[in-house]
């Protein structure tokens, strides 16, 4: 026997799948800190509904990445004096100093 669901229930279930989590206003009010810490911080969207109708969506903040200033880094590296010894030789000397 198949279960019959209303359109609103189907939309809620579908939004649960697509948007990761749907909660009622009452549930959001009661469990807001849990929702924020367990779902939103983990990267999931949370849809808040009132009588089965979506009224708000909590989404995680997208962290913007700063562009890497390759030209500035190259200029900085070029301005640094070269070491008279290789990095390998320097690390081996440090290791030997630490042994004795």
N, C-alpha and C. Protein backbone atom coordinates (compact mmCIF):
# COMPACT_ATOMS: atom_id res chain seq x y z
N UNK A 1 0.84 -1.18 0.00
CA UNK A 1 0.00 0.00 0.00
C UNK A 1 0.88 1.25 0.00
N UNK A 2 0.65 2.16 -0.93
CA UNK A 2 1.44 3.37 -1.03
C UNK A 2 0.87 4.45 -0.13
N UNK A 3 1.78 5.25 0.40
CA UNK A 3 1.36 6.35 1.24
C UNK A 3 1.10 7.57 0.37
N UNK A 4 0.01 8.26 0.60
CA UNK A 4 -0.32 9.47 -0.14
C UNK A 4 0.14 10.67 0.68
N UNK A 5 0.84 11.58 0.01
CA UNK A 5 1.32 12.78 0.70
C UNK A 5 0.81 14.01 -0.04
N UNK A 6 0.67 15.08 0.72
CA UNK A 6 0.22 16.33 0.11
C UNK A 6 1.39 16.98 -0.63
N UNK A 7 1.06 17.95 -1.45
CA UNK A 7 2.08 18.69 -2.20
C UNK A 7 3.03 19.40 -1.22
N UNK A 8 2.46 19.97 -0.16
CA UNK A 8 3.29 20.68 0.83
C UNK A 8 4.28 19.72 1.50
N UNK A 9 3.79 18.51 1.83
CA UNK A 9 4.69 17.51 2.44
C UNK A 9 5.77 17.09 1.45
N UNK A 10 5.40 16.93 0.20
CA UNK A 10 6.37 16.54 -0.82
C UNK A 10 7.41 17.64 -1.01
N UNK A 11 6.97 18.91 -1.01
CA UNK A 11 7.91 20.03 -1.14
C UNK A 11 8.85 20.08 0.05
N UNK A 12 8.29 19.87 1.25
CA UNK A 12 9.12 19.88 2.45
C UNK A 12 10.14 18.76 2.40
N UNK A 13 9.70 17.58 1.99
CA UNK A 13 10.62 16.44 1.90
C UNK A 13 11.68 16.71 0.83
N UNK A 14 11.27 17.26 -0.30
CA UNK A 14 12.22 17.55 -1.37
C UNK A 14 13.21 18.62 -0.91
N UNK A 15 12.73 19.65 -0.23
CA UNK A 15 13.65 20.68 0.24
C UNK A 15 14.59 20.11 1.31
N UNK A 16 14.10 19.15 2.10
CA UNK A 16 14.96 18.46 3.06
C UNK A 16 16.14 17.80 2.34
N UNK A 17 15.85 17.17 1.22
CA UNK A 17 16.88 16.48 0.45
C UNK A 17 17.81 17.49 -0.22
N UNK A 18 17.23 18.49 -0.88
CA UNK A 18 18.03 19.44 -1.65
C UNK A 18 18.74 20.46 -0.78
N UNK A 19 18.07 20.93 0.24
CA UNK A 19 18.64 21.98 1.08
C UNK A 19 19.19 21.44 2.39
N UNK A 20 19.24 20.14 2.53
CA UNK A 20 19.86 19.45 3.64
C UNK A 20 19.03 19.37 4.91
N UNK A 21 18.29 20.41 5.28
CA UNK A 21 17.54 20.35 6.52
C UNK A 21 16.41 21.36 6.50
N UNK A 22 15.23 20.95 6.94
CA UNK A 22 14.09 21.84 7.09
C UNK A 22 13.60 21.74 8.52
N UNK A 23 13.38 22.88 9.15
CA UNK A 23 12.88 22.90 10.53
C UNK A 23 11.75 23.91 10.63
N UNK A 24 10.86 23.65 11.56
CA UNK A 24 9.76 24.59 11.80
C UNK A 24 10.29 25.77 12.62
N UNK A 25 9.49 26.83 12.67
CA UNK A 25 9.86 28.00 13.47
C UNK A 25 10.05 27.60 14.92
N UNK A 26 9.14 26.78 15.44
CA UNK A 26 9.23 26.36 16.84
C UNK A 26 10.51 25.57 17.10
N UNK A 27 10.83 24.66 16.18
CA UNK A 27 12.06 23.86 16.33
C UNK A 27 13.29 24.75 16.22
N UNK A 28 13.26 25.72 15.31
CA UNK A 28 14.39 26.64 15.15
C UNK A 28 14.57 27.47 16.42
N UNK A 29 13.46 27.90 17.00
CA UNK A 29 13.53 28.70 18.23
C UNK A 29 14.11 27.88 19.38
N UNK A 30 13.69 26.64 19.48
CA UNK A 30 14.14 25.78 20.57
C UNK A 30 15.58 25.31 20.39
N UNK A 31 15.97 25.01 19.16
CA UNK A 31 17.27 24.37 18.91
C UNK A 31 18.20 25.21 18.03
N UNK A 32 18.09 26.54 18.10
CA UNK A 32 18.88 27.38 17.20
C UNK A 32 20.38 27.15 17.34
N UNK A 33 20.89 27.06 18.56
CA UNK A 33 22.33 26.88 18.72
C UNK A 33 22.78 25.54 18.15
N UNK A 34 21.99 24.48 18.34
CA UNK A 34 22.32 23.18 17.75
C UNK A 34 22.30 23.24 16.23
N UNK A 35 21.30 23.92 15.69
CA UNK A 35 21.18 24.04 14.23
C UNK A 35 22.39 24.78 13.68
N UNK A 36 22.76 25.88 14.32
CA UNK A 36 23.90 26.67 13.84
C UNK A 36 25.20 25.88 13.94
N UNK A 37 25.42 25.25 15.08
CA UNK A 37 26.70 24.56 15.29
C UNK A 37 26.80 23.25 14.52
N UNK A 38 25.72 22.50 14.47
CA UNK A 38 25.79 21.17 13.85
C UNK A 38 25.54 21.17 12.35
N UNK A 39 24.74 22.08 11.86
CA UNK A 39 24.39 22.06 10.44
C UNK A 39 25.07 23.18 9.66
N UNK A 40 24.82 24.41 10.05
CA UNK A 40 25.28 25.55 9.26
C UNK A 40 26.81 25.64 9.26
N UNK A 41 27.43 25.50 10.41
CA UNK A 41 28.89 25.56 10.47
C UNK A 41 29.50 24.41 9.67
N UNK A 42 28.81 23.29 9.60
CA UNK A 42 29.30 22.14 8.82
C UNK A 42 29.10 22.35 7.32
N UNK A 43 28.45 23.45 6.92
CA UNK A 43 28.30 23.76 5.51
C UNK A 43 26.93 23.48 4.92
N UNK A 44 25.96 23.11 5.73
CA UNK A 44 24.63 22.80 5.24
C UNK A 44 23.71 24.01 5.32
N UNK A 45 22.76 24.09 4.41
CA UNK A 45 21.71 25.10 4.47
C UNK A 45 20.59 24.59 5.37
N UNK A 46 19.91 25.50 6.05
CA UNK A 46 18.76 25.13 6.88
C UNK A 46 17.58 26.01 6.47
N UNK A 47 16.48 25.36 6.09
CA UNK A 47 15.25 26.06 5.70
C UNK A 47 14.33 26.09 6.91
N UNK A 48 13.83 27.27 7.24
CA UNK A 48 12.88 27.42 8.35
C UNK A 48 11.50 27.59 7.74
N UNK A 49 10.55 26.80 8.22
CA UNK A 49 9.20 26.83 7.68
C UNK A 49 8.19 27.25 8.74
N UNK A 50 7.09 27.80 8.27
CA UNK A 50 5.95 28.13 9.13
C UNK A 50 4.72 27.54 8.47
N UNK A 51 4.10 26.59 9.13
CA UNK A 51 2.97 25.85 8.59
C UNK A 51 3.33 25.20 7.25
N UNK A 52 4.55 24.68 7.18
CA UNK A 52 4.98 23.96 5.99
C UNK A 52 5.47 24.83 4.84
N UNK A 53 5.36 26.15 5.00
CA UNK A 53 5.80 27.06 3.95
C UNK A 53 7.17 27.66 4.32
N UNK A 54 8.12 27.62 3.41
CA UNK A 54 9.43 28.20 3.71
C UNK A 54 9.33 29.71 3.95
N UNK A 55 9.96 30.17 5.03
CA UNK A 55 9.94 31.61 5.32
C UNK A 55 11.36 32.18 5.45
N UNK A 56 12.34 31.33 5.70
CA UNK A 56 13.71 31.82 5.85
C UNK A 56 14.69 30.68 5.56
N UNK A 57 15.89 31.08 5.23
CA UNK A 57 16.93 30.10 4.97
C UNK A 57 18.21 30.58 5.63
N UNK A 58 18.83 29.71 6.41
CA UNK A 58 20.12 30.02 7.02
C UNK A 58 21.18 29.31 6.20
N UNK A 59 22.13 30.07 5.71
CA UNK A 59 23.19 29.47 4.89
C UNK A 59 24.55 29.83 5.49
N UNK A 60 25.53 28.95 5.30
CA UNK A 60 26.86 29.26 5.83
C UNK A 60 27.50 30.40 5.04
N UNK A 61 28.33 31.16 5.71
CA UNK A 61 29.04 32.26 5.07
C UNK A 61 30.12 31.66 4.17
N UNK A 62 30.16 32.12 2.95
CA UNK A 62 31.19 31.68 2.02
C UNK A 62 32.45 32.49 2.31
N UNK A 63 33.52 31.79 2.57
CA UNK A 63 34.78 32.47 2.84
C UNK A 63 35.41 32.85 1.51
N UNK A 64 35.70 34.13 1.39
CA UNK A 64 36.31 34.59 0.15
C UNK A 64 37.82 34.43 0.26
N UNK A 65 38.39 33.93 -0.79
CA UNK A 65 39.82 33.74 -0.83
C UNK A 65 40.48 34.96 -1.45
N UNK A 66 41.52 35.42 -0.80
CA UNK A 66 42.26 36.55 -1.35
C UNK A 66 43.15 36.04 -2.48
N UNK A 67 43.28 36.82 -3.53
CA UNK A 67 44.19 36.40 -4.59
C UNK A 67 45.63 36.45 -4.10
N UNK A 68 46.42 35.52 -4.55
CA UNK A 68 47.83 35.46 -4.15
C UNK A 68 48.62 36.45 -5.01
N UNK A 69 49.33 37.38 -4.38
CA UNK A 69 50.08 38.38 -5.14
C UNK A 69 51.42 37.79 -5.63
N UNK A 70 51.36 37.01 -6.69
CA UNK A 70 52.56 36.32 -7.17
C UNK A 70 53.68 37.29 -7.53
N UNK A 71 53.34 38.42 -8.13
CA UNK A 71 54.37 39.38 -8.51
C UNK A 71 55.09 39.93 -7.29
N UNK A 72 54.33 40.26 -6.25
CA UNK A 72 54.92 40.78 -5.01
C UNK A 72 55.79 39.72 -4.35
N UNK A 73 55.33 38.48 -4.34
CA UNK A 73 56.12 37.40 -3.74
C UNK A 73 57.42 37.17 -4.50
N UNK A 74 57.33 37.22 -5.82
CA UNK A 74 58.53 37.04 -6.64
C UNK A 74 59.52 38.16 -6.38
N UNK A 75 59.04 39.39 -6.27
CA UNK A 75 59.91 40.53 -5.99
C UNK A 75 60.54 40.40 -4.60
N UNK A 76 59.77 39.94 -3.63
CA UNK A 76 60.30 39.75 -2.28
C UNK A 76 61.39 38.69 -2.28
N UNK A 77 61.14 37.55 -2.95
CA UNK A 77 62.15 36.49 -3.01
C UNK A 77 63.42 36.97 -3.69
N UNK A 78 63.26 37.75 -4.73
CA UNK A 78 64.42 38.26 -5.46
C UNK A 78 65.22 39.24 -4.61
N UNK A 79 64.56 39.93 -3.69
CA UNK A 79 65.26 40.90 -2.85
C UNK A 79 66.03 40.26 -1.70
N UNK A 80 65.78 38.99 -1.41
CA UNK A 80 66.44 38.31 -0.31
C UNK A 80 67.84 37.85 -0.74
N UNK A 81 68.83 38.01 0.16
CA UNK A 81 70.19 37.57 -0.19
C UNK A 81 70.26 36.04 -0.22
N UNK A 82 71.08 35.52 -1.09
CA UNK A 82 71.26 34.08 -1.17
C UNK A 82 72.14 33.61 -0.02
N UNK A 83 71.83 32.44 0.50
CA UNK A 83 72.61 31.86 1.59
C UNK A 83 73.86 31.21 1.00
N UNK A 84 75.01 31.32 1.72
CA UNK A 84 76.24 30.71 1.21
C UNK A 84 76.18 29.18 1.24
N UNK A 85 75.28 28.61 2.07
CA UNK A 85 75.15 27.15 2.12
C UNK A 85 73.76 26.76 1.65
N UNK A 86 73.64 25.53 1.22
CA UNK A 86 72.33 25.05 0.78
C UNK A 86 71.43 24.80 2.00
N UNK A 87 70.16 24.74 1.74
CA UNK A 87 69.21 24.46 2.82
C UNK A 87 69.49 23.10 3.44
N UNK A 88 69.82 22.13 2.62
CA UNK A 88 70.11 20.79 3.11
C UNK A 88 71.30 20.81 4.06
N UNK A 89 72.37 21.50 3.66
CA UNK A 89 73.56 21.57 4.51
C UNK A 89 73.24 22.29 5.82
N UNK A 90 72.44 23.34 5.73
CA UNK A 90 72.06 24.08 6.94
C UNK A 90 71.24 23.21 7.89
N UNK A 91 70.27 22.46 7.37
CA UNK A 91 69.46 21.57 8.21
C UNK A 91 70.30 20.45 8.82
N UNK A 92 71.22 19.90 8.04
CA UNK A 92 72.10 18.85 8.57
C UNK A 92 72.97 19.39 9.69
N UNK A 93 73.47 20.61 9.56
CA UNK A 93 74.28 21.22 10.61
C UNK A 93 73.45 21.44 11.87
N UNK A 94 72.22 21.91 11.72
CA UNK A 94 71.35 22.10 12.88
C UNK A 94 71.07 20.78 13.58
N UNK A 95 70.84 19.74 12.80
CA UNK A 95 70.57 18.42 13.35
C UNK A 95 71.79 17.91 14.12
N UNK A 96 72.97 18.11 13.58
CA UNK A 96 74.20 17.68 14.25
C UNK A 96 74.42 18.44 15.55
N UNK A 97 74.13 19.74 15.56
CA UNK A 97 74.27 20.56 16.76
C UNK A 97 73.33 20.06 17.85
N UNK A 98 72.13 19.64 17.47
CA UNK A 98 71.14 19.20 18.46
C UNK A 98 71.52 17.86 19.07
N UNK A 99 72.30 17.06 18.36
CA UNK A 99 72.70 15.73 18.87
C UNK A 99 73.72 15.84 19.98
N UNK A 100 74.57 16.87 19.93
CA UNK A 100 75.70 16.92 20.87
C UNK A 100 75.61 18.06 21.83
